[in-house]
Amino acid sequence: MICRSLALVCACLLGLVAGGCGAGSSSSGTANPNDKQEVTRACLEKEGFDAQSVGEAIQIEGPNGPRVEFNISGGESETRTFKGEAQGAEQIGSTLLFVGPANDDELKKIETCVIE
């Protein structure tokens, strides 16, 4: 009886793990409303930007374009700013928006997509 229960639990866990494989940012499907990075990336794409998730950041219009980095808290963003790790960045809540070559109209669109 214990072996059968253990086998059932293992099968369930394996199903959960397999279901999570391949998860990540993609252009298809609906963004998880609890994933700030995914919601922000989807919004940027809707606004016409080429936005790619790279680790804990979103590259906008390629590696030389603007970049949004997601931190755990606003305090972490502030700490990075004080340490000099966020030069050229605008803090929006817990995120840092590295402006890059974006013009004012582009920045306004990007800022509206960033979720605090």
PDB file of N, CA and C in Angstrom:
ATOM      1  N   MET A   1       0.816  -1.191   0.000  1.00  0.00           N
ATOM      2  CA  MET A   1       0.000   0.000   0.000  1.00  0.00           C
ATOM      3  C   MET A   1       0.867   1.267   0.000  1.00  0.00           C
ATOM      4  N   ILE A   2       1.935   1.262   0.814  1.00  0.00           N
ATOM      5  CA  ILE A   2       2.827   2.414   0.872  1.00  0.00           C
ATOM      6  C   ILE A   2       3.534   2.593  -0.459  1.00  0.00           C
ATOM      7  N   CYS A   3       3.959   1.485  -1.068  1.00  0.00           N
ATOM      8  CA  CYS A   3       4.648   1.564  -2.363  1.00  0.00           C
ATOM      9  C   CYS A   3       3.737   2.140  -3.430  1.00  0.00           C
ATOM     10  N   ARG A   4       2.466   1.746  -3.426  1.00  0.00           N
ATOM     11  CA  ARG A   4       1.514   2.237  -4.417  1.00  0.00           C
ATOM     12  C   ARG A   4       1.293   3.742  -4.221  1.00  0.00           C
ATOM     13  N   SER A   5       1.177   4.184  -2.984  1.00  0.00           N
ATOM     14  CA  SER A   5       0.995   5.614  -2.689  1.00  0.00           C
ATOM     15  C   SER A   5       2.236   6.410  -3.094  1.00  0.00           C
ATOM     16  N   LEU A   6       3.397   5.852  -2.796  1.00  0.00           N
ATOM     17  CA  LEU A   6       4.635   6.512  -3.156  1.00  0.00           C
ATOM     18  C   LEU A   6       4.770   6.614  -4.671  1.00  0.00           C
ATOM     19  N   ALA A   7       4.399   5.554  -5.365  1.00  0.00           N
ATOM     20  CA  ALA A   7       4.462   5.567  -6.828  1.00  0.00           C
ATOM     21  C   ALA A   7       3.513   6.619  -7.404  1.00  0.00           C
ATOM     22  N   LEU A   8       2.327   6.760  -6.812  1.00  0.00           N
ATOM     23  CA  LEU A   8       1.365   7.756  -7.268  1.00  0.00           C
ATOM     24  C   LEU A   8       1.893   9.173  -7.050  1.00  0.00           C
ATOM     25  N   VAL A   9       2.493   9.402  -5.876  1.00  0.00           N
ATOM     26  CA  VAL A   9       3.069  10.714  -5.579  1.00  0.00           C
ATOM     27  C   VAL A   9       4.198  11.030  -6.561  1.00  0.00           C
ATOM     28  N   CYS A  10       5.060  10.050  -6.814  1.00  0.00           N
ATOM     29  CA  CYS A  10       6.173  10.249  -7.757  1.00  0.00           C
ATOM     30  C   CYS A  10       5.645  10.552  -9.154  1.00  0.00           C
ATOM     31  N   ALA A  11       4.609   9.840  -9.569  1.00  0.00           N
ATOM     32  CA  ALA A  11       4.033  10.061 -10.895  1.00  0.00           C
ATOM     33  C   ALA A  11       3.462  11.479 -10.998  1.00  0.00           C
ATOM     34  N   CYS A  12       2.799  11.930  -9.942  1.00  0.00           N
ATOM     35  CA  CYS A  12       2.247  13.284  -9.938  1.00  0.00           C
ATOM     36  C   CYS A  12       3.357  14.328 -10.018  1.00  0.00           C
ATOM     37  N   LEU A  13       4.405  14.152  -9.229  1.00  0.00           N
ATOM     38  CA  LEU A  13       5.525  15.090  -9.242  1.00  0.00           C
ATOM     39  C   LEU A  13       6.208  15.121 -10.602  1.00  0.00           C
ATOM     40  N   LEU A  14       6.369  13.941 -11.196  1.00  0.00           N
ATOM     41  CA  LEU A  14       6.986  13.873 -12.511  1.00  0.00           C
ATOM     42  C   LEU A  14       6.146  14.617 -13.532  1.00  0.00           C
ATOM     43  N   GLY A  15       4.837  14.497 -13.428  1.00  0.00           N
ATOM     44  CA  GLY A  15       3.935  15.213 -14.331  1.00  0.00           C
ATOM     45  C   GLY A  15       4.043  16.709 -14.158  1.00  0.00           C
ATOM     46  N   LEU A  16       4.155  17.176 -12.917  1.00  0.00           N
ATOM     47  CA  LEU A  16       4.306  18.601 -12.666  1.00  0.00           C
ATOM     48  C   LEU A  16       5.610  19.134 -13.218  1.00  0.00           C
ATOM     49  N   VAL A  17       6.686  18.372 -13.014  1.00  0.00           N
ATOM     50  CA  VAL A  17       8.002  18.791 -13.513  1.00  0.00           C
ATOM     51  C   VAL A  17       7.992  18.823 -15.038  1.00  0.00           C
ATOM     52  N   ALA A  18       7.455  17.793 -15.657  1.00  0.00           N
ATOM     53  CA  ALA A  18       7.419  17.736 -17.121  1.00  0.00           C
ATOM     54  C   ALA A  18       6.551  18.849 -17.683  1.00  0.00           C
ATOM     55  N   GLY A  19       5.475  19.186 -16.993  1.00  0.00           N
ATOM     56  CA  GLY A  19       4.602  20.264 -17.447  1.00  0.00           C
ATOM     57  C   GLY A  19       5.291  21.612 -17.400  1.00  0.00           C
ATOM     58  N   GLY A  20       6.242  21.778 -16.496  1.00  0.00           N
ATOM     59  CA  GLY A  20       6.953  23.037 -16.366  1.00  0.00           C
ATOM     60  C   GLY A  20       8.114  23.177 -17.323  1.00  0.00           C
ATOM     61  N   CYS A  21       8.531  22.095 -17.947  1.00  0.00           N
ATOM     62  CA  CYS A  21       9.653  22.157 -18.871  1.00  0.00           C
ATOM     63  C   CYS A  21       9.285  23.001 -20.076  1.00  0.00           C
ATOM     64  N   GLY A  22      10.241  23.777 -20.513  1.00  0.00           N
ATOM     65  CA  GLY A  22      10.025  24.602 -21.685  1.00  0.00           C
ATOM     66  C   GLY A  22       9.344  25.915 -21.354  1.00  0.00           C
ATOM     67  N   ALA A  23       8.991  26.113 -20.103  1.00  0.00           N
ATOM     68  CA  ALA A  23       8.357  27.368 -19.731  1.00  0.00           C
ATOM     69  C   ALA A  23       9.383  28.480 -19.842  1.00  0.00           C
ATOM     70  N   GLY A  24       8.931  29.629 -20.110  1.00  0.00           N
ATOM     71  CA  GLY A  24       9.821  30.774 -20.255  1.00  0.00           C
ATOM     72  C   GLY A  24       9.160  31.786 -21.140  1.00  0.00           C
ATOM     73  N   SER A  25       9.911  32.727 -21.623  1.00  0.00           N
ATOM     74  CA  SER A  25       9.300  33.754 -22.438  1.00  0.00           C
ATOM     75  C   SER A  25       9.181  33.270 -23.865  1.00  0.00           C
ATOM     76  N   SER A  26       8.018  33.509 -24.378  1.00  0.00           N
ATOM     77  CA  SER A  26       7.790  33.210 -25.778  1.00  0.00           C
ATOM     78  C   SER A  26       6.782  34.209 -26.288  1.00  0.00           C
ATOM     79  N   SER A  27       6.697  34.347 -27.569  1.00  0.00           N
ATOM     80  CA  SER A  27       5.786  35.312 -28.142  1.00  0.00           C
ATOM     81  C   SER A  27       4.381  34.762 -28.246  1.00  0.00           C
ATOM     82  N   SER A  28       4.199  33.462 -28.056  1.00  0.00           N
ATOM     83  CA  SER A  28       2.877  32.882 -28.207  1.00  0.00           C
ATOM     84  C   SER A  28       2.207  32.725 -26.855  1.00  0.00           C
ATOM     85  N   GLY A  29       0.900  32.732 -26.863  1.00  0.00           N
ATOM     86  CA  GLY A  29       0.159  32.513 -25.641  1.00  0.00           C
ATOM     87  C   GLY A  29      -0.028  33.796 -24.853  1.00  0.00           C
ATOM     88  N   THR A  30      -0.719  33.659 -23.752  1.00  0.00           N
ATOM     89  CA  THR A  30      -1.011  34.791 -22.895  1.00  0.00           C
ATOM     90  C   THR A  30       0.007  34.854 -21.769  1.00  0.00           C
ATOM     91  N   ALA A  31       0.418  36.058 -21.435  1.00  0.00           N
ATOM     92  CA  ALA A  31       1.393  36.254 -20.360  1.00  0.00           C
ATOM     93  C   ALA A  31       0.758  35.933 -19.018  1.00  0.00           C
ATOM     94  N   ASN A  32       1.529  35.306 -18.145  1.00  0.00           N
ATOM     95  CA  ASN A  32       1.091  35.036 -16.782  1.00  0.00           C
ATOM     96  C   ASN A  32       0.984  36.384 -16.063  1.00  0.00           C
ATOM     97  N   PRO A  33      -0.211  36.749 -15.566  1.00  0.00           N
ATOM     98  CA  PRO A  33      -0.372  38.067 -14.945  1.00  0.00           C
ATOM     99  C   PRO A  33       0.461  38.262 -13.679  1.00  0.00           C
ATOM    100  N   ASN A  34       1.000  37.188 -13.117  1.00  0.00           N
ATOM    101  CA  ASN A  34       1.825  37.289 -11.917  1.00  0.00           C
ATOM    102  C   ASN A  34       3.308  37.416 -12.236  1.00  0.00           C
ATOM    103  N   ASP A  35       3.679  37.326 -13.499  1.00  0.00           N
ATOM    104  CA  ASP A  35       5.079  37.403 -13.924  1.00  0.00           C
ATOM    105  C   ASP A  35       5.331  38.786 -14.510  1.00  0.00           C
ATOM    106  N   LYS A  36       5.897  39.683 -13.697  1.00  0.00           N
ATOM    107  CA  LYS A  36       6.115  41.064 -14.133  1.00  0.00           C
ATOM    108  C   LYS A  36       6.929  41.144 -15.417  1.00  0.00           C
ATOM    109  N   GLN A  37       7.962  40.305 -15.494  1.00  0.00           N
ATOM    110  CA  GLN A  37       8.826  40.354 -16.667  1.00  0.00           C
ATOM    111  C   GLN A  37       8.056  39.937 -17.922  1.00  0.00           C
ATOM    112  N   GLU A  38       7.285  38.891 -17.821  1.00  0.00           N
ATOM    113  CA  GLU A  38       6.550  38.403 -18.979  1.00  0.00           C
ATOM    114  C   GLU A  38       5.465  39.394 -19.404  1.00  0.00           C
ATOM    115  N   VAL A  39       4.764  39.985 -18.440  1.00  0.00           N
ATOM    116  CA  VAL A  39       3.730  40.969 -18.755  1.00  0.00           C
ATOM    117  C   VAL A  39       4.358  42.200 -19.411  1.00  0.00           C
ATOM    118  N   THR A  40       5.489  42.638 -18.887  1.00  0.00           N
ATOM    119  CA  THR A  40       6.182  43.791 -19.456  1.00  0.00           C
ATOM    120  C   THR A  40       6.648  43.492 -20.878  1.00  0.00           C
ATOM    121  N   ARG A  41       7.236  42.310 -21.086  1.00  0.00           N
ATOM    122  CA  ARG A  41       7.708  41.941 -22.427  1.00  0.00           C
ATOM    123  C   ARG A  41       6.552  41.893 -23.427  1.00  0.00           C
ATOM    124  N   ALA A  42       5.432  41.306 -23.017  1.00  0.00           N
ATOM    125  CA  ALA A  42       4.263  41.215 -23.900  1.00  0.00           C
ATOM    126  C   ALA A  42       3.731  42.610 -24.245  1.00  0.00           C
ATOM    127  N   CYS A  43       3.711  43.506 -23.264  1.00  0.00           N
ATOM    128  CA  CYS A  43       3.264  44.879 -23.500  1.00  0.00           C
ATOM    129  C   CYS A  43       4.193  45.588 -24.484  1.00  0.00           C
ATOM    130  N   LEU A  44       5.498  45.404 -24.297  1.00  0.00           N
ATOM    131  CA  LEU A  44       6.469  46.035 -25.202  1.00  0.00           C
ATOM    132  C   LEU A  44       6.281  45.549 -26.638  1.00  0.00           C
ATOM    133  N   GLU A  45       6.047  44.257 -26.788  1.00  0.00           N
ATOM    134  CA  GLU A  45       5.808  43.716 -28.130  1.00  0.00           C
ATOM    135  C   GLU A  45       4.526  44.287 -28.717  1.00  0.00           C
ATOM    136  N   LYS A  46       3.510  44.436 -27.894  1.00  0.00           N
ATOM    137  CA  LYS A  46       2.241  45.023 -28.344  1.00  0.00           C
ATOM    138  C   LYS A  46       2.451  46.463 -28.813  1.00  0.00           C
ATOM    139  N   GLU A  47       3.381  47.164 -28.173  1.00  0.00           N
ATOM    140  CA  GLU A  47       3.700  48.548 -28.553  1.00  0.00           C
ATOM    141  C   GLU A  47       4.602  48.612 -29.783  1.00  0.00           C
ATOM    142  N   GLY A  48       4.990  47.454 -30.318  1.00  0.00           N
ATOM    143  CA  GLY A  48       5.782  47.424 -31.547  1.00  0.00           C
ATOM    144  C   GLY A  48       7.275  47.268 -31.369  1.00  0.00           C
ATOM    145  N   PHE A  49       7.724  47.009 -30.141  1.00  0.00           N
ATOM    146  CA  PHE A  49       9.149  46.836 -29.879  1.00  0.00           C
ATOM    147  C   PHE A  49       9.560  45.376 -30.069  1.00  0.00           C
ATOM    148  N   ASP A  50      10.802  45.167 -30.452  1.00  0.00           N
ATOM    149  CA  ASP A  50      11.405  43.836 -30.426  1.00  0.00           C
ATOM    150  C   ASP A  50      11.952  43.669 -29.017  1.00  0.00           C
ATOM    151  N   ALA A  51      11.258  42.864 -28.203  1.00  0.00           N
ATOM    152  CA  ALA A  51      11.631  42.706 -26.791  1.00  0.00           C
ATOM    153  C   ALA A  51      11.924  41.243 -26.511  1.00  0.00           C
ATOM    154  N   GLN A  52      13.129  40.967 -26.008  1.00  0.00           N
ATOM    155  CA  GLN A  52      13.567  39.602 -25.711  1.00  0.00           C
ATOM    156  C   GLN A  52      13.975  39.488 -24.261  1.00  0.00           C
ATOM    157  N   SER A  53      13.448  38.475 -23.574  1.00  0.00           N
ATOM    158  CA  SER A  53      13.870  38.211 -22.191  1.00  0.00           C
ATOM    159  C   SER A  53      15.231  37.546 -22.209  1.00  0.00           C
ATOM    160  N   VAL A  54      16.139  38.098 -21.409  1.00  0.00           N
ATOM    161  CA  VAL A  54      17.489  37.557 -21.262  1.00  0.00           C
ATOM    162  C   VAL A  54      17.780  37.523 -19.767  1.00  0.00           C
ATOM    163  N   GLY A  55      17.638  36.350 -19.161  1.00  0.00           N
ATOM    164  CA  GLY A  55      17.815  36.235 -17.717  1.00  0.00           C
ATOM    165  C   GLY A  55      16.773  37.062 -16.994  1.00  0.00           C
ATOM    166  N   GLU A  56      17.219  37.927 -16.102  1.00  0.00           N
ATOM    167  CA  GLU A  56      16.317  38.785 -15.331  1.00  0.00           C
ATOM    168  C   GLU A  56      16.153  40.154 -15.982  1.00  0.00           C
ATOM    169  N   ALA A  57      16.318  40.219 -17.290  1.00  0.00           N
ATOM    170  CA  ALA A  57      16.211  41.497 -17.999  1.00  0.00           C
ATOM    171  C   ALA A  57      15.460  41.314 -19.310  1.00  0.00           C
ATOM    172  N   ILE A  58      15.032  42.439 -19.863  1.00  0.00           N
ATOM    173  CA  ILE A  58      14.432  42.462 -21.196  1.00  0.00           C
ATOM    174  C   ILE A  58      15.287  43.383 -22.046  1.00  0.00           C
ATOM    175  N   GLN A  59      15.794  42.869 -23.152  1.00  0.00           N
ATOM    176  CA  GLN A  59      16.528  43.669 -24.134  1.00  0.00           C
ATOM    177  C   GLN A  59      15.509  44.187 -25.129  1.00  0.00           C
ATOM    178  N   ILE A  60      15.532  45.480 -25.371  1.00  0.00           N
ATOM    179  CA  ILE A  60      14.594  46.102 -26.290  1.00  0.00           C
ATOM    180  C   ILE A  60      15.366  46.570 -27.513  1.00  0.00           C
ATOM    181  N   GLU A  61      14.952  46.080 -28.674  1.00  0.00           N
ATOM    182  CA  GLU A  61      15.591  46.440 -29.942  1.00  0.00           C
ATOM    183  C   GLU A  61      17.067  46.040 -29.970  1.00  0.00           C
ATOM    184  N   GLY A  62      17.393  44.889 -29.444  1.00  0.00           N
ATOM    185  CA  GLY A  62      18.744  44.348 -29.520  1.00  0.00           C
ATOM    186  C   GLY A  62      19.625  44.722 -28.352  1.00  0.00           C
ATOM    187  N   PRO A  63      20.857  44.199 -28.337  1.00  0.00           N
ATOM    188  CA  PRO A  63      21.754  44.382 -27.193  1.00  0.00           C
ATOM    189  C   PRO A  63      22.209  45.819 -26.956  1.00  0.00           C
ATOM    190  N   ASN A  64      22.112  46.680 -27.947  1.00  0.00           N
ATOM    191  CA  ASN A  64      22.532  48.071 -27.769  1.00  0.00           C
ATOM    192  C   ASN A  64      21.368  49.004 -27.465  1.00  0.00           C
ATOM    193  N   GLY A  65      20.163  48.450 -27.382  1.00  0.00           N
ATOM    194  CA  GLY A  65      18.980  49.252 -27.113  1.00  0.00           C
ATOM    195  C   GLY A  65      18.710  49.379 -25.625  1.00  0.00           C
ATOM    196  N   PRO A  66      17.563  49.936 -25.293  1.00  0.00           N
ATOM    197  CA  PRO A  66      17.183  50.037 -23.882  1.00  0.00           C
ATOM    198  C   PRO A  66      17.061  48.653 -23.248  1.00  0.00           C
ATOM    199  N   ARG A  67      17.160  48.613 -21.920  1.00  0.00           N
ATOM    200  CA  ARG A  67      17.090  47.347 -21.192  1.00  0.00           C
ATOM    201  C   ARG A  67      16.324  47.566 -19.893  1.00  0.00           C
ATOM    202  N   VAL A  68      15.449  46.628 -19.570  1.00  0.00           N
ATOM    203  CA  VAL A  68      14.718  46.664 -18.308  1.00  0.00           C
ATOM    204  C   VAL A  68      15.219  45.511 -17.454  1.00  0.00           C
ATOM    205  N   GLU A  69      15.714  45.823 -16.265  1.00  0.00           N
ATOM    206  CA  GLU A  69      16.192  44.790 -15.342  1.00  0.00           C
ATOM    207  C   GLU A  69      15.254  44.717 -14.146  1.00  0.00           C
ATOM    208  N   PHE A  70      14.898  43.505 -13.782  1.00  0.00           N
ATOM    209  CA  PHE A  70      13.957  43.269 -12.693  1.00  0.00           C
ATOM    210  C   PHE A  70      14.714  42.862 -11.435  1.00  0.00           C
ATOM    211  N   ASN A  71      14.461  43.580 -10.356  1.00  0.00           N
ATOM    212  CA  ASN A  71      15.076  43.291  -9.067  1.00  0.00           C
ATOM    213  C   ASN A  71      14.004  42.822  -8.096  1.00  0.00           C
ATOM    214  N   ILE A  72      14.428  42.270  -6.983  1.00  0.00           N
ATOM    215  CA  ILE A  72      13.496  41.740  -5.989  1.00  0.00           C
ATOM    216  C   ILE A  72      12.669  42.853  -5.354  1.00  0.00           C
ATOM    217  N   SER A  73      13.289  44.002  -5.115  1.00  0.00           N
ATOM    218  CA  SER A  73      12.588  45.099  -4.439  1.00  0.00           C
ATOM    219  C   SER A  73      13.135  46.436  -4.916  1.00  0.00           C
ATOM    220  N   GLY A  74      12.400  47.486  -4.552  1.00  0.00           N
ATOM    221  CA  GLY A  74      12.886  48.829  -4.841  1.00  0.00           C
ATOM    222  C   GLY A  74      14.187  49.117  -4.114  1.00  0.00           C
ATOM    223  N   GLY A  75      14.340  48.521  -2.928  1.00  0.00           N
ATOM    224  CA  GLY A  75      15.576  48.696  -2.163  1.00  0.00           C
ATOM    225  C   GLY A  75      16.782  48.141  -2.896  1.00  0.00           C
ATOM    226  N   GLU A  76      16.601  47.000  -3.562  1.00  0.00           N
ATOM    227  CA  GLU A  76      17.711  46.434  -4.334  1.00  0.00           C
ATOM    228  C   GLU A  76      18.075  47.358  -5.496  1.00  0.00           C
ATOM    229  N   SER A  77      17.063  47.923  -6.141  1.00  0.00           N
ATOM    230  CA  SER A  77      17.326  48.864  -7.235  1.00  0.00           C
ATOM    231  C   SER A  77      18.071  50.089  -6.729  1.00  0.00           C
ATOM    232  N   GLU A  78      17.653  50.617  -5.586  1.00  0.00           N
ATOM    233  CA  GLU A  78      18.331  51.770  -5.002  1.00  0.00           C
ATOM    234  C   GLU A  78      19.773  51.446  -4.640  1.00  0.00           C
ATOM    235  N   THR A  79      19.987  50.272  -4.056  1.00  0.00           N
ATOM    236  CA  THR A  79      21.338  49.851  -3.684  1.00  0.00           C
ATOM    237  C   THR A  79      22.230  49.784  -4.916  1.00  0.00           C
ATOM    238  N   ARG A  80      21.723  49.203  -5.993  1.00  0.00           N
ATOM    239  CA  ARG A  80      22.512  49.123  -7.222  1.00  0.00           C
ATOM    240  C   ARG A  80      22.841  50.515  -7.751  1.00  0.00           C
ATOM    241  N   THR A  81      21.898  51.441  -7.596  1.00  0.00           N
ATOM    242  CA  THR A  81      22.136  52.820  -8.041  1.00  0.00           C
ATOM    243  C   THR A  81      23.248  53.454  -7.209  1.00  0.00           C
ATOM    244  N   PHE A  82      23.172  53.301  -5.871  1.00  0.00           N
ATOM    245  CA  PHE A  82      24.191  53.883  -4.996  1.00  0.00           C
ATOM    246  C   PHE A  82      25.561  53.256  -5.217  1.00  0.00           C
ATOM    247  N   LYS A  83      25.606  51.989  -5.599  1.00  0.00           N
ATOM    248  CA  LYS A  83      26.877  51.316  -5.859  1.00  0.00           C
ATOM    249  C   LYS A  83      27.457  51.696  -7.217  1.00  0.00           C
ATOM    250  N   GLY A  84      26.714  52.436  -8.012  1.00  0.00           N
ATOM    251  CA  GLY A  84      27.189  52.821  -9.341  1.00  0.00           C
ATOM    252  C   GLY A  84      26.950  51.752 -10.394  1.00  0.00           C
ATOM    253  N   GLU A  85      26.059  50.807 -10.119  1.00  0.00           N
ATOM    254  CA  GLU A  85      25.778  49.719 -11.058  1.00  0.00           C
ATOM    255  C   GLU A  85      24.608  50.043 -11.983  1.00  0.00           C
ATOM    256  N   ALA A  86      24.047  51.237 -11.847  1.00  0.00           N
ATOM    257  CA  ALA A  86      22.864  51.569 -12.635  1.00  0.00           C
ATOM    258  C   ALA A  86      23.004  52.928 -13.312  1.00  0.00           C
ATOM    259  N   GLN A  87      24.209  53.225 -13.761  1.00  0.00           N
ATOM    260  CA  GLN A  87      24.422  54.502 -14.437  1.00  0.00           C
ATOM    261  C   GLN A  87      23.622  54.523 -15.735  1.00  0.00           C
ATOM    262  N   GLY A  88      22.902  55.600 -15.939  1.00  0.00           N
ATOM    263  CA  GLY A  88      22.070  55.734 -17.128  1.00  0.00           C
ATOM    264  C   GLY A  88      20.731  55.039 -16.990  1.00  0.00           C
ATOM    265  N   ALA A  89      20.391  54.630 -15.769  1.00  0.00           N
ATOM    266  CA  ALA A  89      19.128  53.918 -15.556  1.00  0.00           C
ATOM    267  C   ALA A  89      18.138  54.790 -14.796  1.00  0.00           C
ATOM    268  N   GLU A  90      16.887  54.539 -15.090  1.00  0.00           N
ATOM    269  CA  GLU A  90      15.781  55.177 -14.390  1.00  0.00           C
ATOM    270  C   GLU A  90      15.137  54.109 -13.510  1.00  0.00           C
ATOM    271  N   GLN A  91      14.928  54.402 -12.255  1.00  0.00           N
ATOM    272  CA  GLN A  91      14.302  53.426 -11.358  1.00  0.00           C
ATOM    273  C   GLN A  91      12.791  53.569 -11.434  1.00  0.00           C
ATOM    274  N   ILE A  92      12.115  52.454 -11.695  1.00  0.00           N
ATOM    275  CA  ILE A  92      10.655  52.397 -11.696  1.00  0.00           C
ATOM    276  C   ILE A  92      10.277  51.259 -10.761  1.00  0.00           C
ATOM    277  N   GLY A  93       9.946  51.604  -9.528  1.00  0.00           N
ATOM    278  CA  GLY A  93       9.638  50.583  -8.532  1.00  0.00           C
ATOM    279  C   GLY A  93      10.854  49.703  -8.298  1.00  0.00           C
ATOM    280  N   SER A  94      10.684  48.411  -8.525  1.00  0.00           N
ATOM    281  CA  SER A  94      11.789  47.474  -8.320  1.00  0.00           C
ATOM    282  C   SER A  94      12.581  47.221  -9.598  1.00  0.00           C
ATOM    283  N   THR A  95      12.256  47.934 -10.660  1.00  0.00           N
ATOM    284  CA  THR A  95      12.958  47.732 -11.928  1.00  0.00           C
ATOM    285  C   THR A  95      13.901  48.893 -12.225  1.00  0.00           C
ATOM    286  N   LEU A  96      14.875  48.600 -13.053  1.00  0.00           N
ATOM    287  CA  LEU A  96      15.777  49.623 -13.565  1.00  0.00           C
ATOM    288  C   LEU A  96      15.632  49.651 -15.083  1.00  0.00           C
ATOM    289  N   LEU A  97      15.344  50.818 -15.621  1.00  0.00           N
ATOM    290  CA  LEU A  97      15.239  51.001 -17.068  1.00  0.00           C
ATOM    291  C   LEU A  97      16.495  51.705 -17.543  1.00  0.00           C
ATOM    292  N   PHE A  98      17.340  50.953 -18.237  1.00  0.00           N
ATOM    293  CA  PHE A  98      18.546  51.525 -18.829  1.00  0.00           C
ATOM    294  C   PHE A  98      18.127  52.116 -20.169  1.00  0.00           C
ATOM    295  N   VAL A  99      18.135  53.422 -20.244  1.00  0.00           N
ATOM    296  CA  VAL A  99      17.540  54.175 -21.341  1.00  0.00           C
ATOM    297  C   VAL A  99      18.187  53.894 -22.694  1.00  0.00           C
ATOM    298  N   GLY A 100      19.495  53.867 -22.747  1.00  0.00           N
ATOM    299  CA  GLY A 100      20.173  53.648 -24.020  1.00  0.00           C
ATOM    300  C   GLY A 100      19.836  54.739 -25.024  1.00  0.00           C
ATOM    301  N   PRO A 101      19.705  54.375 -26.296  1.00  0.00           N
ATOM    302  CA  PRO A 101      19.478  55.369 -27.340  1.00  0.00           C
ATOM    303  C   PRO A 101      18.005  55.723 -27.565  1.00  0.00           C
ATOM    304  N   ALA A 102      17.119  55.309 -26.689  1.00  0.00           N
ATOM    305  CA  ALA A 102      15.686  55.544 -26.902  1.00  0.00           C
ATOM    306  C   ALA A 102      15.355  57.028 -26.845  1.00  0.00           C
ATOM    307  N   ASN A 103      14.433  57.435 -27.718  1.00  0.00           N
ATOM    308  CA  ASN A 103      13.979  58.831 -27.693  1.00  0.00           C
ATOM    309  C   ASN A 103      12.818  58.975 -26.707  1.00  0.00           C
ATOM    310  N   ASP A 104      12.350  60.198 -26.512  1.00  0.00           N
ATOM    311  CA  ASP A 104      11.325  60.464 -25.505  1.00  0.00           C
ATOM    312  C   ASP A 104      10.025  59.699 -25.770  1.00  0.00           C
ATOM    313  N   ASP A 105       9.598  59.630 -27.031  1.00  0.00           N
ATOM    314  CA  ASP A 105       8.361  58.911 -27.351  1.00  0.00           C
ATOM    315  C   ASP A 105       8.496  57.425 -27.040  1.00  0.00           C
ATOM    316  N   GLU A 106       9.637  56.845 -27.395  1.00  0.00           N
ATOM    317  CA  GLU A 106       9.870  55.433 -27.103  1.00  0.00           C
ATOM    318  C   GLU A 106       9.909  55.189 -25.595  1.00  0.00           C
ATOM    319  N   LEU A 107      10.595  56.079 -24.863  1.00  0.00           N
ATOM    320  CA  LEU A 107      10.694  55.920 -23.406  1.00  0.00           C
ATOM    321  C   LEU A 107       9.331  55.997 -22.743  1.00  0.00           C
ATOM    322  N   LYS A 108       8.469  56.864 -23.230  1.00  0.00           N
ATOM    323  CA  LYS A 108       7.129  56.977 -22.665  1.00  0.00           C
ATOM    324  C   LYS A 108       6.374  55.654 -22.824  1.00  0.00           C
ATOM    325  N   LYS A 109       6.487  55.020 -23.991  1.00  0.00           N
ATOM    326  CA  LYS A 109       5.830  53.737 -24.239  1.00  0.00           C
ATOM    327  C   LYS A 109       6.424  52.647 -23.360  1.00  0.00           C
ATOM    328  N   ILE A 110       7.751  52.637 -23.248  1.00  0.00           N
ATOM    329  CA  ILE A 110       8.427  51.631 -22.427  1.00  0.00           C
ATOM    330  C   ILE A 110       8.023  51.794 -20.964  1.00  0.00           C
ATOM    331  N   GLU A 111       8.037  53.023 -20.472  1.00  0.00           N
ATOM    332  CA  GLU A 111       7.692  53.281 -19.075  1.00  0.00           C
ATOM    333  C   GLU A 111       6.270  52.836 -18.741  1.00  0.00           C
ATOM    334  N   THR A 112       5.332  53.005 -19.679  1.00  0.00           N
ATOM    335  CA  THR A 112       3.960  52.585 -19.405  1.00  0.00           C
ATOM    336  C   THR A 112       3.839  51.072 -19.353  1.00  0.00           C
ATOM    337  N   CYS A 113       4.750  50.359 -19.994  1.00  0.00           N
ATOM    338  CA  CYS A 113       4.712  48.894 -19.975  1.00  0.00           C
ATOM    339  C   CYS A 113       5.350  48.293 -18.728  1.00  0.00           C
ATOM    340  N   VAL A 114       6.255  49.025 -18.121  1.00  0.00           N
ATOM    341  CA  VAL A 114       6.951  48.505 -16.944  1.00  0.00           C
ATOM    342  C   VAL A 114       5.999  48.488 -15.760  1.00  0.00           C
ATOM    343  N   ILE A 115       5.835  47.321 -15.173  1.00  0.00           N
ATOM    344  CA  ILE A 115       4.936  47.156 -14.031  1.00  0.00           C
ATOM    345  C   ILE A 115       5.722  47.342 -12.754  1.00  0.00           C
ATOM    346  N   GLU A 116       5.230  48.204 -11.897  1.00  0.00           N
ATOM    347  CA  GLU A 116       5.917  48.467 -10.626  1.00  0.00           C
ATOM    348  C   GLU A 116       5.701  47.345  -9.644  1.00  0.00           C
TER     349      GLU A 116
END
